[in-house]
Amino acid sequence: MDLLRIIIAILLPPLGVFLQVGFAGAFWLNILLTLLGYIPGIVHAVWIIARR
């Protein structure tokens, strides 16, 4: 299941984080990072998924 979440995180980083943590602070941080730059959003999403 984590592999599927990582693939989703690469395509849509906020969705990958949402599937992992829901509407927690990490989700909102990821939206902000994705809006500021797509790559930081991907890195943050993969880190959140791999950490848990």
PDB file of N, CA and C in Angstrom:
ATOM      1  N   MET A   1       0.819  -1.196   0.000  1.00  0.00           N
ATOM      2  CA  MET A   1       0.000   0.000   0.000  1.00  0.00           C
ATOM      3  C   MET A   1       0.860   1.257   0.000  1.00  0.00           C
ATOM      4  N   ASP A   2       2.014   1.226   0.664  1.00  0.00           N
ATOM      5  CA  ASP A   2       2.879   2.406   0.680  1.00  0.00           C
ATOM      6  C   ASP A   2       3.405   2.736  -0.708  1.00  0.00           C
ATOM      7  N   LEU A   3       3.656   1.729  -1.529  1.00  0.00           N
ATOM      8  CA  LEU A   3       4.129   1.975  -2.892  1.00  0.00           C
ATOM      9  C   LEU A   3       3.073   2.738  -3.688  1.00  0.00           C
ATOM     10  N   LEU A   4       1.824   2.354  -3.526  1.00  0.00           N
ATOM     11  CA  LEU A   4       0.735   3.062  -4.213  1.00  0.00           C
ATOM     12  C   LEU A   4       0.636   4.505  -3.726  1.00  0.00           C
ATOM     13  N   ARG A   5       0.792   4.721  -2.422  1.00  0.00           N
ATOM     14  CA  ARG A   5       0.752   6.085  -1.878  1.00  0.00           C
ATOM     15  C   ARG A   5       1.915   6.920  -2.398  1.00  0.00           C
ATOM     16  N   ILE A   6       3.078   6.326  -2.547  1.00  0.00           N
ATOM     17  CA  ILE A   6       4.237   7.067  -3.065  1.00  0.00           C
ATOM     18  C   ILE A   6       4.006   7.452  -4.521  1.00  0.00           C
ATOM     19  N   ILE A   7       3.437   6.562  -5.299  1.00  0.00           N
ATOM     20  CA  ILE A   7       3.124   6.883  -6.697  1.00  0.00           C
ATOM     21  C   ILE A   7       2.105   8.019  -6.756  1.00  0.00           C
ATOM     22  N   ILE A   8       1.084   7.955  -5.911  1.00  0.00           N
ATOM     23  CA  ILE A   8       0.090   9.036  -5.858  1.00  0.00           C
ATOM     24  C   ILE A   8       0.754  10.335  -5.407  1.00  0.00           C
ATOM     25  N   ALA A   9       1.699  10.235  -4.451  1.00  0.00           N
ATOM     26  CA  ALA A   9       2.381  11.433  -3.947  1.00  0.00           C
ATOM     27  C   ALA A   9       3.223  12.088  -5.027  1.00  0.00           C
ATOM     28  N   ILE A  10       3.747  11.318  -5.940  1.00  0.00           N
ATOM     29  CA  ILE A  10       4.530  11.898  -7.031  1.00  0.00           C
ATOM     30  C   ILE A  10       3.611  12.617  -8.016  1.00  0.00           C
ATOM     31  N   LEU A  11       2.439  12.056  -8.252  1.00  0.00           N
ATOM     32  CA  LEU A  11       1.504  12.674  -9.191  1.00  0.00           C
ATOM     33  C   LEU A  11       0.747  13.846  -8.554  1.00  0.00           C
ATOM     34  N   LEU A  12       0.222  13.640  -7.352  1.00  0.00           N
ATOM     35  CA  LEU A  12      -0.538  14.668  -6.626  1.00  0.00           C
ATOM     36  C   LEU A  12      -0.106  14.642  -5.161  1.00  0.00           C
ATOM     37  N   PRO A  13       0.920  15.400  -4.813  1.00  0.00           N
ATOM     38  CA  PRO A  13       1.470  15.328  -3.453  1.00  0.00           C
ATOM     39  C   PRO A  13       0.451  15.522  -2.322  1.00  0.00           C
ATOM     40  N   PRO A  14      -0.457  16.504  -2.381  1.00  0.00           N
ATOM     41  CA  PRO A  14      -1.400  16.645  -1.266  1.00  0.00           C
ATOM     42  C   PRO A  14      -2.312  15.425  -1.091  1.00  0.00           C
ATOM     43  N   LEU A  15      -2.670  14.781  -2.172  1.00  0.00           N
ATOM     44  CA  LEU A  15      -3.522  13.602  -2.071  1.00  0.00           C
ATOM     45  C   LEU A  15      -2.786  12.464  -1.371  1.00  0.00           C
ATOM     46  N   GLY A  16      -1.523  12.281  -1.686  1.00  0.00           N
ATOM     47  CA  GLY A  16      -0.735  11.246  -1.011  1.00  0.00           C
ATOM     48  C   GLY A  16      -0.632  11.488   0.482  1.00  0.00           C
ATOM     49  N   VAL A  17      -0.435  12.745   0.871  1.00  0.00           N
ATOM     50  CA  VAL A  17      -0.353  13.082   2.296  1.00  0.00           C
ATOM     51  C   VAL A  17      -1.724  12.926   2.944  1.00  0.00           C
ATOM     52  N   PHE A  18      -2.774  13.320   2.260  1.00  0.00           N
ATOM     53  CA  PHE A  18      -4.118  13.179   2.809  1.00  0.00           C
ATOM     54  C   PHE A  18      -4.453  11.719   3.078  1.00  0.00           C
ATOM     55  N   LEU A  19      -4.083  10.830   2.173  1.00  0.00           N
ATOM     56  CA  LEU A  19      -4.347   9.408   2.382  1.00  0.00           C
ATOM     57  C   LEU A  19      -3.583   8.860   3.578  1.00  0.00           C
ATOM     58  N   GLN A  20      -2.469   9.474   3.907  1.00  0.00           N
ATOM     59  CA  GLN A  20      -1.654   9.012   5.028  1.00  0.00           C
ATOM     60  C   GLN A  20      -2.101   9.604   6.363  1.00  0.00           C
ATOM     61  N   VAL A  21      -2.348  10.914   6.412  1.00  0.00           N
ATOM     62  CA  VAL A  21      -2.598  11.571   7.703  1.00  0.00           C
ATOM     63  C   VAL A  21      -3.966  12.239   7.808  1.00  0.00           C
ATOM     64  N   GLY A  22      -4.721  12.348   6.752  1.00  0.00           N
ATOM     65  CA  GLY A  22      -6.002  13.044   6.803  1.00  0.00           C
ATOM     66  C   GLY A  22      -5.794  14.551   6.776  1.00  0.00           C
ATOM     67  N   PHE A  23      -6.698  15.276   7.436  1.00  0.00           N
ATOM     68  CA  PHE A  23      -6.629  16.740   7.439  1.00  0.00           C
ATOM     69  C   PHE A  23      -5.748  17.273   8.563  1.00  0.00           C
ATOM     70  N   ALA A  24      -4.637  16.640   8.806  1.00  0.00           N
ATOM     71  CA  ALA A  24      -3.707  17.090   9.852  1.00  0.00           C
ATOM     72  C   ALA A  24      -2.873  18.259   9.326  1.00  0.00           C
ATOM     73  N   GLY A  25      -2.010  18.778  10.180  1.00  0.00           N
ATOM     74  CA  GLY A  25      -1.167  19.908   9.799  1.00  0.00           C
ATOM     75  C   GLY A  25      -0.238  19.602   8.643  1.00  0.00           C
ATOM     76  N   ALA A  26       0.207  18.352   8.540  1.00  0.00           N
ATOM     77  CA  ALA A  26       1.104  17.970   7.447  1.00  0.00           C
ATOM     78  C   ALA A  26       0.421  18.117   6.088  1.00  0.00           C
ATOM     79  N   PHE A  27      -0.874  17.887   6.044  1.00  0.00           N
ATOM     80  CA  PHE A  27      -1.623  18.037   4.797  1.00  0.00           C
ATOM     81  C   PHE A  27      -1.611  19.487   4.333  1.00  0.00           C
ATOM     82  N   TRP A  28      -1.893  20.409   5.252  1.00  0.00           N
ATOM     83  CA  TRP A  28      -1.933  21.827   4.897  1.00  0.00           C
ATOM     84  C   TRP A  28      -0.544  22.346   4.553  1.00  0.00           C
ATOM     85  N   LEU A  29       0.469  21.859   5.243  1.00  0.00           N
ATOM     86  CA  LEU A  29       1.848  22.226   4.920  1.00  0.00           C
ATOM     87  C   LEU A  29       2.203  21.736   3.521  1.00  0.00           C
ATOM     88  N   ASN A  30       1.752  20.552   3.177  1.00  0.00           N
ATOM     89  CA  ASN A  30       2.055  20.017   1.857  1.00  0.00           C
ATOM     90  C   ASN A  30       1.358  20.814   0.758  1.00  0.00           C
ATOM     91  N   ILE A  31       0.155  21.260   1.001  1.00  0.00           N
ATOM     92  CA  ILE A  31      -0.525  22.109   0.012  1.00  0.00           C
ATOM     93  C   ILE A  31       0.271  23.386  -0.208  1.00  0.00           C
ATOM     94  N   LEU A  32       0.727  23.991   0.881  1.00  0.00           N
ATOM     95  CA  LEU A  32       1.527  25.212   0.773  1.00  0.00           C
ATOM     96  C   LEU A  32       2.822  24.944   0.003  1.00  0.00           C
ATOM     97  N   LEU A  33       3.525  23.869   0.334  1.00  0.00           N
ATOM     98  CA  LEU A  33       4.770  23.544  -0.364  1.00  0.00           C
ATOM     99  C   LEU A  33       4.529  23.244  -1.839  1.00  0.00           C
ATOM    100  N   THR A  34       3.435  22.576  -2.150  1.00  0.00           N
ATOM    101  CA  THR A  34       3.124  22.267  -3.549  1.00  0.00           C
ATOM    102  C   THR A  34       2.808  23.538  -4.327  1.00  0.00           C
ATOM    103  N   LEU A  35       2.134  24.482  -3.690  1.00  0.00           N
ATOM    104  CA  LEU A  35       1.842  25.751  -4.364  1.00  0.00           C
ATOM    105  C   LEU A  35       3.109  26.576  -4.578  1.00  0.00           C
ATOM    106  N   LEU A  36       4.045  26.492  -3.642  1.00  0.00           N
ATOM    107  CA  LEU A  36       5.299  27.230  -3.778  1.00  0.00           C
ATOM    108  C   LEU A  36       6.247  26.590  -4.787  1.00  0.00           C
ATOM    109  N   GLY A  37       6.134  25.314  -4.963  1.00  0.00           N
ATOM    110  CA  GLY A  37       6.973  24.591  -5.918  1.00  0.00           C
ATOM    111  C   GLY A  37       6.603  23.125  -5.889  1.00  0.00           C
ATOM    112  N   TYR A  38       6.456  22.548  -7.035  1.00  0.00           N
ATOM    113  CA  TYR A  38       5.977  21.165  -7.115  1.00  0.00           C
ATOM    114  C   TYR A  38       6.957  20.187  -6.468  1.00  0.00           C
ATOM    115  N   ILE A  39       8.247  20.376  -6.666  1.00  0.00           N
ATOM    116  CA  ILE A  39       9.270  19.467  -6.136  1.00  0.00           C
ATOM    117  C   ILE A  39       9.275  19.453  -4.606  1.00  0.00           C
ATOM    118  N   PRO A  40       9.239  20.596  -3.916  1.00  0.00           N
ATOM    119  CA  PRO A  40       9.172  20.532  -2.449  1.00  0.00           C
ATOM    120  C   PRO A  40       7.938  19.784  -1.942  1.00  0.00           C
ATOM    121  N   GLY A  41       6.833  19.907  -2.639  1.00  0.00           N
ATOM    122  CA  GLY A  41       5.624  19.167  -2.267  1.00  0.00           C
ATOM    123  C   GLY A  41       5.816  17.670  -2.400  1.00  0.00           C
ATOM    124  N   ILE A  42       6.482  17.247  -3.467  1.00  0.00           N
ATOM    125  CA  ILE A  42       6.751  15.820  -3.671  1.00  0.00           C
ATOM    126  C   ILE A  42       7.685  15.297  -2.593  1.00  0.00           C
ATOM    127  N   VAL A  43       8.747  16.028  -2.316  1.00  0.00           N
ATOM    128  CA  VAL A  43       9.719  15.592  -1.304  1.00  0.00           C
ATOM    129  C   VAL A  43       9.039  15.461   0.058  1.00  0.00           C
ATOM    130  N   HIS A  44       8.248  16.449   0.415  1.00  0.00           N
ATOM    131  CA  HIS A  44       7.555  16.405   1.701  1.00  0.00           C
ATOM    132  C   HIS A  44       6.574  15.234   1.750  1.00  0.00           C
ATOM    133  N   ALA A  45       5.826  15.010   0.685  1.00  0.00           N
ATOM    134  CA  ALA A  45       4.843  13.919   0.659  1.00  0.00           C
ATOM    135  C   ALA A  45       5.521  12.559   0.794  1.00  0.00           C
ATOM    136  N   VAL A  46       6.597  12.346   0.055  1.00  0.00           N
ATOM    137  CA  VAL A  46       7.308  11.064   0.140  1.00  0.00           C
ATOM    138  C   VAL A  46       7.907  10.891   1.528  1.00  0.00           C
ATOM    139  N   TRP A  47       8.416  11.966   2.116  1.00  0.00           N
ATOM    140  CA  TRP A  47       8.977  11.879   3.458  1.00  0.00           C
ATOM    141  C   TRP A  47       7.893  11.518   4.486  1.00  0.00           C
ATOM    142  N   ILE A  48       6.728  12.119   4.385  1.00  0.00           N
ATOM    143  CA  ILE A  48       5.625  11.816   5.309  1.00  0.00           C
ATOM    144  C   ILE A  48       5.205  10.347   5.163  1.00  0.00           C
ATOM    145  N   ILE A  49       5.110   9.870   3.949  1.00  0.00           N
ATOM    146  CA  ILE A  49       4.669   8.489   3.725  1.00  0.00           C
ATOM    147  C   ILE A  49       5.733   7.494   4.193  1.00  0.00           C
ATOM    148  N   ALA A  50       6.998   7.783   3.911  1.00  0.00           N
ATOM    149  CA  ALA A  50       8.061   6.857   4.295  1.00  0.00           C
ATOM    150  C   ALA A  50       8.296   6.857   5.807  1.00  0.00           C
ATOM    151  N   ARG A  51       8.011   7.969   6.463  1.00  0.00           N
ATOM    152  CA  ARG A  51       8.245   8.080   7.894  1.00  0.00           C
ATOM    153  C   ARG A  51       7.259   7.240   8.695  1.00  0.00           C
ATOM    154  N   ARG A  52       6.047   7.058   8.213  1.00  0.00           N
ATOM    155  CA  ARG A  52       5.018   6.348   8.977  1.00  0.00           C
ATOM    156  C   ARG A  52       4.873   4.951   8.523  1.00  0.00           C
TER     157      ARG A  52
END
